[in-house]
Amino acid sequence: MAFGFCLSVFLLLSVWSTAKCSGIPNGALRMECRDRYFMIAVNLSFTGADPLFEAVDGTSVRAITKPYAAQCGYTVRVLPLVGHVELRSSYFSCHTDNQDDKVFTFKFNLVATRKGKEERFALNQTCSPSLPWSPREVTCEENYMEVSVRSEIKCLPQTVDDWSDLDTVRGSSTSDWQVMFHRHEEHLLPMNLTAARKQGYAFDLTKGRLVFRTPYGQPDSFSTEVNGVPVEEVHATLFSRQSWIVFMVDLVAACSIDEGFYDEVGGYIMWETPEMPCRSNCERQLNVGLNGELVKQAVAVKGGFVVEKDNITVHISIPNNAEGGYRKSLLAGGLYQFYIFHLYLEQILAEDHVGTRVRFQRTLSTPLLPCYIFTTNRTSVAERAFTVYLGNIPEDVQLLAVRLNGQEFAVPFSNTSAYSLTKVVHPNNTCGFTLRVPFEDPLVVQKFVQVAVLQYGLDINFTLSVLPENELFYRLAIIEALFSPPTFVTTCSESGISFHLDRQRSDYLWEISVGADLLTPELAAQRGYNLSDDGQSLLLKVPLFSRGYEYRDIALQGFFGSFGIMARDHTTQIESTTTKTCLFSTAEFILCSTDGTMTVVADVSSALPTGGVPAETHLFDQYCEPKETDVTRALFSYPVNSCGSSIKLGKGNVTYQNEIFYSSKMYLSKSKVFSGDATGRVLAQCTYPVASLHRLFSVYKFESDVAGLGTIIHTTEPLAGLHGSTTRPIGPLQIGSSYPGSYMSALQPPARYKVSKFHNFASVLRKGAPRSMRTKMTPAQI
């Protein structure tokens, strides 16, 4: 058995001979004779994006298309990440000149598109295999399986079962060679070789060997599992009847099609292959290597390979740093890397003095792995200099320049420079650079942070390039000495959140703000914060529902409230935010958000008749029902300009109001009788400053610069005329004294101007609003 899986990238790492082909520049073409195949690689920068190979022999020229390649023993792949196109050709490929299975001559044309025009370049090479051929050899390529056996026919002892195909053979009327395929226990009808070739199979009889080749996925092959490893197998019997003599040759190939996997923890590419079956008296040998070079198992293990056998399955793991592997850096929204290995595996089985070699070639690649180039601040104040280390630079990445506080210096630095840049090389094929800049250099930014204490600042921009593409990227480092932001201790309480700071000598350089507003005694008094600062410590207590809170996960059981303060250095604009989130629980509360959402949890028991429950309540719009209720409370959340809300314009503010009702429909439909003894009313309102509103009375979008002020009103006083019903409020709410202005429906056309006085707004409604949207107003309201 042999194992393999196909990946999208490939590496050519070895000392290849460069062909002297007219028109192809040096370094763009590489050709090499390998153990059992010939290889060509050409740079894509020369060929263009769509190169093509043609196979040439004495009589014809054939384009190597994907189906033709699998049938004739070619493997062609365009590898954009590596930057070249690759051709691998079996020594028994269709158009190869074979001299006694010892000398093989290959002739190809490379078709390249250059400046919009196709050009052809001849690529010729003669190869001799480095090892003699075994009696039976199986090759598992990426796109085909190939079997070759010695053409000498020896009559070996056979059982009757082994010749079970003779009945079919004797029934054949032709003396030509024919082939019969087997699927599991099924024997398919024989066909002549011409028909087999039309189906994609290849047969060839050289001077000393019989060759059979098939692409993967043919109808006559079948997939199975061997100890959990997926395997594709093809079994063909080639036979010919000459008079009463029947010649038969069994040709079997089985290749693992396991896709393998990457172990990120250990850094290994891992794959599996079943071991070749053996009946008795077997001698085994396993050789493994990279780039067409095989070494014995013990040597591979010393090189970092892990070779294990579990039952009849061979497990092989290749470490990322294995010698002969290839590592490539690339930019894809960041710096990444991948590792590629061209694996060459050989299993040798000697059974009854008959040797079998099974080889496979697979390109194994890791996924894209992040590559972190880091900077470390190693500055020592005692040395009076910045020391910064730039590390983990891959071998295909080059440092080109260093920019210090806006001034760029090419690498390497000149000998007269006051700065030093020292390269450090590491055994894992990475390197680093140590940058040293004196504090007193004119480029360094200096500022006093307190009396007799100076802060030094250095902004560093490293310019790096990925080779050979020369793609640029940057690594930034902002280094400061003697500078640290203040650290707040936060505490949750039932009434709010507090922030405590034990002042340090440099804390006065930091501005403390809430959002964009500087925290001052005046701001604290305006917003209801409790601020104390004696010069030694600062204590800020922020009551719940104060301006600046953010809320989430609101439910009857409670909600989360968050409040944050920011420390900002006014010169460097460096910011540090401290945010505290606490779980709060209150019997009632109301929130008026900047997007116009009113969320209210209210005790509605006073508005319920005897026997009524909060779940049977609603707002003025009876379809606006509570989202959650318990025994006495209801939770509503709705846009302020919906659910029948009324609106009132005051001096500089706008108030949206709604009322929580008991459902009269539900009340009348109850089978048991309730007394209409509800005496209380529950109203909820949100008040916003007019100046903060962007679209007043807009039915499409509500925007406010600040959150509104919410109020829950419990009253027993009827409000006549507000909603036009004797069982509902009928007038503006009055508690103690009349409210300025009048209430009207909140659903109005979008305002195209700012509203400053209510009588102007009422005039517009009477003159300009569509009739269906106008609000009827009583003389008392106007």
Foldseek 3Di string as FASTA:
>chain_A
DAAFAADAAADFDDDFDADDWPPADPPQWGWDDFQFKTKIKGFCVFQPDDKWKWWDAPPDIGTCDLLLCQLFAKDWHQHVQVGIIMIIGGQRGDRWDQDVLFKIKTWMWMWGQDPNDTDIIIDIDMDGRPDDDAQWEWEAENWKIKIKHWPDDDDDDDDPVVVPCVVLVVPDPDQAKWKWWDDDPDIHRIDHVVVVVVQRWDWDDDPTMTMIMHTPPRPRWDWDDDVRFIKIKIWMWIWGDDPPDIDIDIDIDMYTHHNFAADPVQQKTKDKDFADDDDDDKDKFKWKDFNNDTDGPVVVVVQVWDWDDDDRMIMIIDHQLRPRKDKAWDDDVAIWMKIKTFMWIWMWMQHPNHIYIYIYTYIDMHPTGHQDFDKDWPDDVVVQKTKMKTWRAALQKFWAWKAKLRRIAGPPHDPPDPKHWDKAADPSRIIMIIIIGGQPDPSWDWDDLAPPRIKTKIKMKIWMAGPPVRDIDIDIDIDMPPDDEWDWDWDDDQFFIKTKTQDDRRHVQKFKAQVPGTDDPVVCVVQVWDWDDPPGMIMITDTPPTWQWDWDPDDQQWTKIKHKMWIARPPVRDIDMDMDIDTYHDQWDWWFDQFQKIKIKDFCVLQDFVPDAQQQKAKCQNVQGFPDGDRGITIGIDGLQDPFWKWWDDQQKIKTKIWIHGHPVVQVPDPDHTDNPRQKTKMKMWMAGLVQWDWQLAPPTTGGPTGTDMDIDIDRDAAACPSPDPRHHGHDDDDPHDDPAGIWRSHFHTDPDRDRDDVVVLVCLVPPGDPVPRTDDDPVRD
